[in-house]
């Protein structure tokens, strides 16, 4: 099974490192960026299976990421936030809101239910 590629965009480098560490340990191939501009550039160059966006970006920045991800093979976007999805996000996009980091791995496993990211190896 292919390893799922995740683009993780977070304003805070410490939060990003923590989030990426958890995702990498779970078997995902994670690329991290700390600005939506860098994230948009990557979305234009590479293909990702999902995009995770932190809560500290403006609604306009999240909107641009959602539109770009939608145009790139209907890539789902997970907004890690403390509230409901932004009303400006297009209803046709695959955008999901998640309160905090606690359910992030669970949300990804629901997006990709048929396969595990990578089997854990015994030490």
C-alpha atoms as a PDB file:
ATOM      1  CA  UNK A   1       0.000   0.000   0.000  1.00  0.00           C
ATOM      2  CA  UNK A   2       1.297   3.457  -0.780  1.00  0.00           C
ATOM      3  CA  UNK A   3       2.327   5.756   2.014  1.00  0.00           C
ATOM      4  CA  UNK A   4      -0.049   8.721   2.169  1.00  0.00           C
ATOM      5  CA  UNK A   5       1.530  12.130   1.545  1.00  0.00           C
ATOM      6  CA  UNK A   6       0.325  14.855   3.892  1.00  0.00           C
ATOM      7  CA  UNK A   7       0.997  18.581   3.601  1.00  0.00           C
ATOM      8  CA  UNK A   8       0.921  20.178   7.057  1.00  0.00           C
ATOM      9  CA  UNK A   9       0.723  23.987   7.195  1.00  0.00           C
ATOM     10  CA  UNK A  10       0.955  25.565  10.622  1.00  0.00           C
ATOM     11  CA  UNK A  11       1.788  29.109  11.685  1.00  0.00           C
ATOM     12  CA  UNK A  12       3.614  27.932  14.813  1.00  0.00           C
ATOM     13  CA  UNK A  13       6.841  25.971  14.183  1.00  0.00           C
ATOM     14  CA  UNK A  14       6.631  24.137  17.552  1.00  0.00           C
ATOM     15  CA  UNK A  15       3.053  23.013  16.883  1.00  0.00           C
ATOM     16  CA  UNK A  16       4.049  22.004  13.370  1.00  0.00           C
ATOM     17  CA  UNK A  17       6.979  19.912  14.602  1.00  0.00           C
ATOM     18  CA  UNK A  18       4.788  18.157  17.169  1.00  0.00           C
ATOM     19  CA  UNK A  19       2.015  17.493  14.662  1.00  0.00           C
ATOM     20  CA  UNK A  20       4.452  16.256  12.027  1.00  0.00           C
ATOM     21  CA  UNK A  21       6.236  13.998  14.507  1.00  0.00           C
ATOM     22  CA  UNK A  22       2.942  12.300  15.428  1.00  0.00           C
ATOM     23  CA  UNK A  23       1.972  11.867  11.777  1.00  0.00           C
ATOM     24  CA  UNK A  24       5.393  10.524  10.805  1.00  0.00           C
ATOM     25  CA  UNK A  25       5.318   8.017  13.685  1.00  0.00           C
ATOM     26  CA  UNK A  26       1.914   6.877  12.404  1.00  0.00           C
ATOM     27  CA  UNK A  27       3.473   6.170   9.002  1.00  0.00           C
ATOM     28  CA  UNK A  28       2.558   9.211   6.936  1.00  0.00           C
ATOM     29  CA  UNK A  29       4.970  11.029   4.636  1.00  0.00           C
ATOM     30  CA  UNK A  30       4.688  14.575   5.996  1.00  0.00           C
ATOM     31  CA  UNK A  31       5.849  17.827   4.426  1.00  0.00           C
ATOM     32  CA  UNK A  32       5.630  20.845   6.746  1.00  0.00           C
ATOM     33  CA  UNK A  33       5.417  24.528   5.935  1.00  0.00           C
ATOM     34  CA  UNK A  34       4.774  27.566   8.120  1.00  0.00           C
ATOM     35  CA  UNK A  35       3.103  29.844   5.558  1.00  0.00           C
ATOM     36  CA  UNK A  36       0.139  29.438   3.249  1.00  0.00           C
ATOM     37  CA  UNK A  37       2.204  30.943   0.416  1.00  0.00           C
ATOM     38  CA  UNK A  38       4.717  28.084   0.686  1.00  0.00           C
ATOM     39  CA  UNK A  39       1.836  25.618   0.978  1.00  0.00           C
ATOM     40  CA  UNK A  40       0.206  26.931  -2.201  1.00  0.00           C
ATOM     41  CA  UNK A  41       3.523  26.694  -4.056  1.00  0.00           C
ATOM     42  CA  UNK A  42       3.873  23.046  -2.998  1.00  0.00           C
ATOM     43  CA  UNK A  43       0.284  22.254  -4.000  1.00  0.00           C
ATOM     44  CA  UNK A  44       1.065  23.600  -7.464  1.00  0.00           C
ATOM     45  CA  UNK A  45       4.168  21.387  -7.776  1.00  0.00           C
ATOM     46  CA  UNK A  46       3.348  18.157  -5.944  1.00  0.00           C
ATOM     47  CA  UNK A  47       0.417  15.891  -5.218  1.00  0.00           C
ATOM     48  CA  UNK A  48      -0.727  15.311  -1.643  1.00  0.00           C
ATOM     49  CA  UNK A  49      -3.365  12.956  -0.271  1.00  0.00           C
ATOM     50  CA  UNK A  50      -4.502  15.494   2.345  1.00  0.00           C
ATOM     51  CA  UNK A  51      -3.709  19.005   3.543  1.00  0.00           C
ATOM     52  CA  UNK A  52      -3.793  19.956   7.234  1.00  0.00           C
ATOM     53  CA  UNK A  53      -4.125  23.669   7.977  1.00  0.00           C
ATOM     54  CA  UNK A  54      -3.639  25.272  11.385  1.00  0.00           C
ATOM     55  CA  UNK A  55      -6.136  27.683  12.917  1.00  0.00           C
ATOM     56  CA  UNK A  56      -4.057  30.873  12.959  1.00  0.00           C
ATOM     57  CA  UNK A  57      -4.427  31.659   9.269  1.00  0.00           C
ATOM     58  CA  UNK A  58      -7.037  34.073   7.926  1.00  0.00           C
ATOM     59  CA  UNK A  59     -10.252  32.831   6.331  1.00  0.00           C
ATOM     60  CA  UNK A  60      -8.957  34.122   2.989  1.00  0.00           C
ATOM     61  CA  UNK A  61      -5.754  32.063   3.269  1.00  0.00           C
ATOM     62  CA  UNK A  62      -7.729  28.942   4.217  1.00  0.00           C
ATOM     63  CA  UNK A  63     -10.100  29.594   1.319  1.00  0.00           C
ATOM     64  CA  UNK A  64      -7.226  29.809  -1.186  1.00  0.00           C
ATOM     65  CA  UNK A  65      -5.748  26.558   0.131  1.00  0.00           C
ATOM     66  CA  UNK A  66      -9.132  24.806  -0.043  1.00  0.00           C
ATOM     67  CA  UNK A  67      -9.738  25.937  -3.630  1.00  0.00           C
ATOM     68  CA  UNK A  68      -6.243  24.943  -4.751  1.00  0.00           C
ATOM     69  CA  UNK A  69      -6.479  21.566  -3.016  1.00  0.00           C
ATOM     70  CA  UNK A  70      -9.910  20.978  -4.584  1.00  0.00           C
ATOM     71  CA  UNK A  71      -8.472  21.682  -8.029  1.00  0.00           C
ATOM     72  CA  UNK A  72      -5.644  19.219  -7.361  1.00  0.00           C
ATOM     73  CA  UNK A  73      -7.465  15.887  -7.581  1.00  0.00           C
ATOM     74  CA  UNK A  74     -10.091  16.726  -4.967  1.00  0.00           C
ATOM     75  CA  UNK A  75      -7.537  16.694  -2.124  1.00  0.00           C
ATOM     76  CA  UNK A  76      -9.240  16.826   1.289  1.00  0.00           C
ATOM     77  CA  UNK A  77      -8.371  19.702   3.631  1.00  0.00           C
ATOM     78  CA  UNK A  78      -8.482  19.330   7.409  1.00  0.00           C
ATOM     79  CA  UNK A  79      -8.777  22.598   9.332  1.00  0.00           C
ATOM     80  CA  UNK A  80      -7.432  22.193  12.854  1.00  0.00           C
ATOM     81  CA  UNK A  81      -9.367  24.833  14.747  1.00  0.00           C
ATOM     82  CA  UNK A  82     -11.456  25.541  17.783  1.00  0.00           C
ATOM     83  CA  UNK A  83     -14.613  26.403  15.899  1.00  0.00           C
ATOM     84  CA  UNK A  84     -16.815  25.419  12.986  1.00  0.00           C
ATOM     85  CA  UNK A  85     -15.568  25.554   9.390  1.00  0.00           C
ATOM     86  CA  UNK A  86     -15.248  29.016   7.882  1.00  0.00           C
ATOM     87  CA  UNK A  87     -18.376  30.030   5.985  1.00  0.00           C
ATOM     88  CA  UNK A  88     -16.260  31.264   3.058  1.00  0.00           C
ATOM     89  CA  UNK A  89     -14.975  27.765   2.259  1.00  0.00           C
ATOM     90  CA  UNK A  90     -16.777  26.459  -0.863  1.00  0.00           C
ATOM     91  CA  UNK A  91     -19.426  23.876  -0.030  1.00  0.00           C
ATOM     92  CA  UNK A  92     -18.171  21.656  -2.857  1.00  0.00           C
ATOM     93  CA  UNK A  93     -14.686  21.354  -1.338  1.00  0.00           C
ATOM     94  CA  UNK A  94     -13.675  18.433   0.803  1.00  0.00           C
ATOM     95  CA  UNK A  95     -12.992  20.550   3.889  1.00  0.00           C
ATOM     96  CA  UNK A  96     -13.258  19.176   7.406  1.00  0.00           C
ATOM     97  CA  UNK A  97     -13.021  21.081  10.694  1.00  0.00           C
ATOM     98  CA  UNK A  98     -11.373  19.458  13.653  1.00  0.00           C
ATOM     99  CA  UNK A  99     -11.199  20.867  17.165  1.00  0.00           C
ATOM    100  CA  UNK A 100      -7.590  20.628  18.309  1.00  0.00           C
ATOM    101  CA  UNK A 101      -4.969  18.003  17.507  1.00  0.00           C
ATOM    102  CA  UNK A 102      -6.411  15.136  19.516  1.00  0.00           C
ATOM    103  CA  UNK A 103      -8.513  13.673  16.731  1.00  0.00           C
ATOM    104  CA  UNK A 104      -6.104  14.272  13.853  1.00  0.00           C
ATOM    105  CA  UNK A 105      -4.944  10.669  13.395  1.00  0.00           C
ATOM    106  CA  UNK A 106      -8.515   9.471  13.801  1.00  0.00           C
ATOM    107  CA  UNK A 107      -9.702  11.926  11.135  1.00  0.00           C
ATOM    108  CA  UNK A 108      -7.010  10.747   8.710  1.00  0.00           C
ATOM    109  CA  UNK A 109      -7.902   7.105   9.323  1.00  0.00           C
ATOM    110  CA  UNK A 110     -11.526   7.957   8.448  1.00  0.00           C
ATOM    111  CA  UNK A 111     -10.365   9.614   5.210  1.00  0.00           C
ATOM    112  CA  UNK A 112      -8.271   6.564   4.292  1.00  0.00           C
ATOM    113  CA  UNK A 113     -10.233   3.701   5.943  1.00  0.00           C
ATOM    114  CA  UNK A 114      -9.208   0.842   3.685  1.00  0.00           C
ATOM    115  CA  UNK A 115      -5.546   0.955   4.546  1.00  0.00           C
ATOM    116  CA  UNK A 116      -3.254   1.782   7.404  1.00  0.00           C
ATOM    117  CA  UNK A 117      -0.619   4.399   6.756  1.00  0.00           C
ATOM    118  CA  UNK A 118       2.174   1.896   7.380  1.00  0.00           C
ATOM    119  CA  UNK A 119       2.284  -1.187   9.554  1.00  0.00           C
ATOM    120  CA  UNK A 120       4.182  -0.701  12.805  1.00  0.00           C
ATOM    121  CA  UNK A 121       7.343  -2.787  13.041  1.00  0.00           C
ATOM    122  CA  UNK A 122       8.333  -4.615  16.180  1.00  0.00           C
ATOM    123  CA  UNK A 123      11.436  -3.299  17.914  1.00  0.00           C
END
